[in-house]
């Protein structure tokens, strides 16, 4: 006699990997109805399960679905779910491996094409944005002001930066605003993403700003990051400090890039 646990494991595997289910197994575990065979009844749940997961992926990657088109995106999604089935108790993690899957299955490996690079960058951006929706943040706590000393400023926990070959943030927000953007031309794009009061916002930044934020992620302190950026760019350190104090500091504090070190 099959135990409840064995039945649950079999049913889970039958939903995740429909191709691996043998007809004889279905008859052993399920009974037919007056109108449907055991296999047909199982098929309803198998199709519903995959359809639901495809819908979840579409919610996590709406701009990628727009760029690829619904039909092609759903084809990629079904192959992805077959090769990388859900392995978490929450669907929040469903798209974790999707950008890497697209990279591994790109159709132009021998002769890279720009539109494929765009799709990869867009999926990376959407995944980064999605992760910040539920990531541990700084909500309900004190935020620094322009009077907070540099020595007390650290990057906030719900913050990421990205470097892309296309303006993916602009494309994404055009899609979510119900526009119909065309595929953009290749141009370097740098983005900072921060969450404040449970609202996630993207900020376009320059290459040098990206370099400074990268340095802050590496060394953790504003002063050391400014010195590191000056060294990497081959410019006087006082010039970097002047740009930080006069053009960058107040805006980044206002945009909630930082928290106080002991907050």
Protein backbone atom coordinates (compact mmCIF):
# COMPACT_ATOMS: atom_id res chain seq x y z
CA UNK A 1 0.00 0.00 0.00
CA UNK A 2 1.33 3.44 -0.94
CA UNK A 3 1.81 5.79 2.00
CA UNK A 4 0.46 9.34 1.94
CA UNK A 5 4.02 10.68 1.75
CA UNK A 6 4.86 8.43 -1.20
CA UNK A 7 1.69 9.56 -2.96
CA UNK A 8 2.53 13.22 -2.34
CA UNK A 9 6.07 12.77 -3.69
CA UNK A 10 4.76 10.97 -6.76
CA UNK A 11 2.16 13.67 -7.43
CA UNK A 12 4.73 16.43 -7.03
CA UNK A 13 7.08 14.73 -9.48
CA UNK A 14 4.21 14.15 -11.91
CA UNK A 15 3.42 17.87 -11.89
CA UNK A 16 7.03 19.02 -12.18
CA UNK A 17 8.10 16.48 -14.81
CA UNK A 18 5.07 15.31 -16.85
CA UNK A 19 7.29 13.58 -19.41
CA UNK A 20 8.69 11.31 -16.73
CA UNK A 21 5.33 9.82 -15.77
CA UNK A 22 4.59 6.33 -17.09
CA UNK A 23 1.03 5.39 -17.99
CA UNK A 24 1.12 2.36 -15.69
CA UNK A 25 2.05 4.57 -12.73
CA UNK A 26 -0.96 6.82 -13.28
CA UNK A 27 -3.33 3.88 -13.10
CA UNK A 28 -1.68 2.74 -9.86
CA UNK A 29 -2.16 6.08 -8.12
CA UNK A 30 -5.30 7.63 -9.61
CA UNK A 31 -8.74 6.44 -10.59
CA UNK A 32 -10.79 7.55 -13.60
CA UNK A 33 -14.04 9.46 -13.42
CA UNK A 34 -17.21 8.80 -15.38
CA UNK A 35 -15.96 11.04 -18.20
CA UNK A 36 -12.16 11.17 -17.93
CA UNK A 37 -9.40 8.61 -17.70
CA UNK A 38 -6.89 8.75 -14.86
CA UNK A 39 -4.29 10.17 -17.26
CA UNK A 40 -6.66 12.87 -18.49
CA UNK A 41 -7.49 13.90 -14.94
CA UNK A 42 -3.80 14.14 -14.09
CA UNK A 43 -3.20 16.16 -17.26
CA UNK A 44 -5.58 18.89 -16.06
CA UNK A 45 -3.42 19.45 -12.98
CA UNK A 46 -0.17 19.22 -14.94
CA UNK A 47 -1.28 21.87 -17.43
CA UNK A 48 -2.71 24.09 -14.71
CA UNK A 49 0.49 23.88 -12.68
CA UNK A 50 2.74 24.89 -15.58
CA UNK A 51 0.29 27.60 -16.69
CA UNK A 52 0.33 29.07 -13.19
CA UNK A 53 4.13 29.07 -13.06
CA UNK A 54 4.33 30.69 -16.51
CA UNK A 55 1.98 33.40 -15.26
CA UNK A 56 4.24 33.95 -12.23
CA UNK A 57 7.29 34.31 -14.47
CA UNK A 58 5.39 36.79 -16.64
CA UNK A 59 4.66 38.84 -13.51
CA UNK A 60 8.33 38.81 -12.54
CA UNK A 61 9.59 39.64 -16.05
CA UNK A 62 6.88 41.82 -17.65
CA UNK A 63 9.26 43.83 -19.85
CA UNK A 64 11.03 40.70 -21.09
CA UNK A 65 7.67 39.24 -22.05
CA UNK A 66 6.79 42.45 -23.88
CA UNK A 67 10.12 42.49 -25.73
CA UNK A 68 9.99 38.82 -26.75
CA UNK A 69 6.27 38.72 -27.36
CA UNK A 70 3.86 36.65 -25.29
CA UNK A 71 4.11 33.47 -27.37
CA UNK A 72 7.92 33.32 -27.51
CA UNK A 73 8.29 34.27 -23.85
CA UNK A 74 5.91 31.49 -22.85
CA UNK A 75 7.95 29.01 -24.93
CA UNK A 76 11.13 30.05 -23.13
CA UNK A 77 9.29 29.90 -19.79
CA UNK A 78 8.09 26.33 -20.36
CA UNK A 79 11.56 25.12 -21.33
CA UNK A 80 13.03 26.94 -18.33
CA UNK A 81 10.52 25.35 -15.95
CA UNK A 82 11.35 21.92 -17.37
CA UNK A 83 15.11 22.45 -16.98
CA UNK A 84 15.02 24.40 -13.72
CA UNK A 85 11.83 23.42 -11.88
CA UNK A 86 10.76 25.32 -8.80
CA UNK A 87 12.93 24.26 -5.85
CA UNK A 88 11.62 26.59 -3.15
CA UNK A 89 8.55 26.72 -0.94
CA UNK A 90 7.84 30.20 -2.34
CA UNK A 91 7.27 31.30 -5.94
CA UNK A 92 9.31 34.38 -5.08
CA UNK A 93 12.40 32.37 -6.07
CA UNK A 94 10.91 31.05 -9.30
CA UNK A 95 12.81 33.45 -11.58
CA UNK A 96 16.13 33.26 -9.73
CA UNK A 97 17.83 31.25 -12.48
CA UNK A 98 15.95 32.72 -15.44
CA UNK A 99 18.62 35.24 -16.58
CA UNK A 100 21.30 32.53 -16.43
CA UNK A 101 19.01 30.18 -18.35
CA UNK A 102 18.57 32.76 -21.12
CA UNK A 103 22.33 33.24 -21.28
CA UNK A 104 22.95 29.51 -21.54
CA UNK A 105 20.28 28.99 -24.20
CA UNK A 106 20.97 32.03 -26.38
CA UNK A 107 20.48 31.09 -30.06
CA UNK A 108 23.37 33.20 -31.36
CA UNK A 109 26.34 31.69 -29.53
CA UNK A 110 28.49 31.58 -32.68
CA UNK A 111 27.58 35.11 -33.85
CA UNK A 112 26.24 37.26 -30.98
CA UNK A 113 23.39 39.57 -31.90
CA UNK A 114 22.50 42.84 -30.19
CA UNK A 115 18.86 41.96 -29.52
CA UNK A 116 19.90 38.88 -27.56
CA UNK A 117 22.30 40.94 -25.44
CA UNK A 118 19.43 43.34 -24.79
CA UNK A 119 17.16 40.51 -23.63
CA UNK A 120 19.84 39.24 -21.25
CA UNK A 121 20.43 42.68 -19.75
CA UNK A 122 16.71 43.29 -19.43
CA UNK A 123 16.15 40.01 -17.58
CA UNK A 124 19.05 40.80 -15.23
CA UNK A 125 17.57 44.21 -14.49
CA UNK A 126 14.09 42.84 -13.87
CA UNK A 127 15.42 40.18 -11.52
CA UNK A 128 17.38 42.79 -9.52
CA UNK A 129 14.31 44.99 -9.29
CA UNK A 130 12.05 42.13 -8.26
CA UNK A 131 14.39 40.95 -5.50
CA UNK A 132 14.27 44.37 -3.82
CA UNK A 133 10.49 44.25 -3.49
CA UNK A 134 10.73 41.89 -0.50
CA UNK A 135 14.36 42.21 0.56
CA UNK A 136 15.14 43.26 4.15
CA UNK A 137 15.11 47.04 4.19
CA UNK A 138 15.37 50.08 6.47
CA UNK A 139 11.68 50.92 6.76
CA UNK A 140 10.58 52.39 10.10
CA UNK A 141 14.08 53.49 11.08
CA UNK A 142 15.95 56.78 11.09
CA UNK A 143 17.41 58.04 7.80
CA UNK A 144 20.49 60.28 7.58
CA UNK A 145 20.30 63.93 6.58
CA UNK A 146 22.78 66.25 4.88
CA UNK A 147 24.12 67.02 8.37
CA UNK A 148 25.16 63.40 8.91
CA UNK A 149 28.98 63.13 8.74
CA UNK A 150 30.49 61.11 5.90
CA UNK A 151 32.04 58.78 8.45
CA UNK A 152 28.53 57.69 9.51
CA UNK A 153 27.18 57.04 6.01
CA UNK A 154 26.89 53.48 4.70
CA UNK A 155 24.89 52.12 1.78
CA UNK A 156 21.41 51.08 2.81
CA UNK A 157 20.59 47.33 2.85
CA UNK A 158 17.93 47.46 0.13
CA UNK A 159 20.14 48.87 -2.61
CA UNK A 160 21.80 47.53 -5.78
CA UNK A 161 23.61 48.95 -8.78
CA UNK A 162 23.79 47.60 -12.29
CA UNK A 163 25.83 48.18 -15.45
CA UNK A 164 24.10 47.35 -18.72
CA UNK A 165 24.72 47.59 -22.44
CA UNK A 166 21.27 49.02 -23.11
CA UNK A 167 18.90 51.50 -21.37
CA UNK A 168 16.97 48.66 -19.78
CA UNK A 169 15.53 50.70 -16.90
CA UNK A 170 14.00 53.18 -19.33
CA UNK A 171 12.55 50.34 -21.41
CA UNK A 172 11.16 48.56 -18.35
CA UNK A 173 9.39 51.62 -17.00
CA UNK A 174 7.98 52.44 -20.42
CA UNK A 175 6.41 48.97 -20.50
CA UNK A 176 4.99 49.24 -16.97
CA UNK A 177 3.58 52.67 -17.88
CA UNK A 178 1.58 50.93 -20.63
CA UNK A 179 3.68 52.40 -23.44
CA UNK A 180 4.79 50.43 -26.49
CA UNK A 181 8.56 51.02 -26.65
CA UNK A 182 10.64 49.62 -29.48
CA UNK A 183 13.93 47.84 -28.82
CA UNK A 184 16.47 50.52 -27.91
CA UNK A 185 19.91 51.00 -29.46
CA UNK A 186 23.02 49.78 -27.67
CA UNK A 187 24.35 52.39 -25.23
CA UNK A 188 26.04 51.91 -21.87
CA UNK A 189 23.58 52.36 -19.03
CA UNK A 190 24.21 52.53 -15.29
CA UNK A 191 21.43 52.29 -12.72
CA UNK A 192 21.04 52.48 -8.95
CA UNK A 193 17.97 50.87 -7.37
CA UNK A 194 16.86 51.76 -3.85
CA UNK A 195 13.76 51.01 -1.77
CA UNK A 196 12.26 53.56 0.60
CA UNK A 197 8.93 53.14 2.44
CA UNK A 198 8.37 49.93 0.46
CA UNK A 199 8.58 51.77 -2.86
CA UNK A 200 11.40 50.67 -5.17
CA UNK A 201 12.88 53.36 -7.43
CA UNK A 202 15.51 53.33 -10.18
CA UNK A 203 17.95 56.17 -10.66
CA UNK A 204 20.09 56.65 -13.78
CA UNK A 205 23.71 57.28 -12.83
CA UNK A 206 26.88 58.01 -14.76
CA UNK A 207 29.81 55.67 -15.27
CA UNK A 208 31.81 57.55 -12.62
CA UNK A 209 28.90 57.43 -10.19
CA UNK A 210 28.69 53.69 -10.78
CA UNK A 211 32.41 53.46 -10.06
CA UNK A 212 32.01 55.39 -6.80
CA UNK A 213 29.11 53.25 -5.62
CA UNK A 214 31.03 50.11 -6.55
CA UNK A 215 33.94 51.35 -4.47
CA UNK A 216 31.60 52.03 -1.55
CA UNK A 217 30.31 48.47 -1.79
CA UNK A 218 33.89 47.22 -1.72
CA UNK A 219 35.33 49.28 1.14
CA UNK A 220 32.20 50.36 3.02
CA UNK A 221 33.35 53.89 3.87
CA UNK A 222 32.83 57.11 1.94
CA UNK A 223 36.35 58.50 2.42
CA UNK A 224 38.07 55.28 1.40
CA UNK A 225 35.75 54.91 -1.60
CA UNK A 226 36.55 58.42 -2.84
CA UNK A 227 40.27 57.69 -2.57
CA UNK A 228 39.84 54.38 -4.41
CA UNK A 229 37.88 56.03 -7.23
CA UNK A 230 40.52 58.74 -7.62
CA UNK A 231 43.22 56.07 -7.88
CA UNK A 232 41.29 54.04 -10.45
CA UNK A 233 40.41 57.04 -12.60
CA UNK A 234 43.83 58.66 -12.31
CA UNK A 235 42.48 62.01 -11.11
CA UNK A 236 43.46 64.14 -8.09
CA UNK A 237 41.71 63.05 -4.92
CA UNK A 238 40.71 66.60 -4.01
CA UNK A 239 38.85 66.84 -7.33
CA UNK A 240 36.84 63.72 -6.49
CA UNK A 241 36.07 65.06 -3.00
CA UNK A 242 34.89 68.36 -4.47
CA UNK A 243 32.52 66.60 -6.89
CA UNK A 244 31.20 64.45 -4.05
CA UNK A 245 30.53 67.40 -1.74
CA UNK A 246 29.17 69.75 -4.37
CA UNK A 247 27.21 67.60 -6.83
CA UNK A 248 26.53 64.13 -5.45
CA UNK A 249 26.27 63.89 -1.67
CA UNK A 250 23.01 65.72 -0.95
CA UNK A 251 21.16 64.12 -3.86
CA UNK A 252 22.12 60.59 -2.89
CA UNK A 253 21.16 61.18 0.74
CA UNK A 254 17.81 62.56 -0.43
CA UNK A 255 17.29 59.51 -2.69
CA UNK A 256 17.88 57.22 0.31
CA UNK A 257 21.05 55.57 -0.91
CA UNK A 258 22.48 55.67 2.61
CA UNK A 259 21.66 54.85 6.20
CA UNK A 260 23.52 55.94 9.31
CA UNK A 261 26.17 53.45 10.38
CA UNK A 262 24.68 52.84 13.83
CA UNK A 263 20.99 53.19 12.89
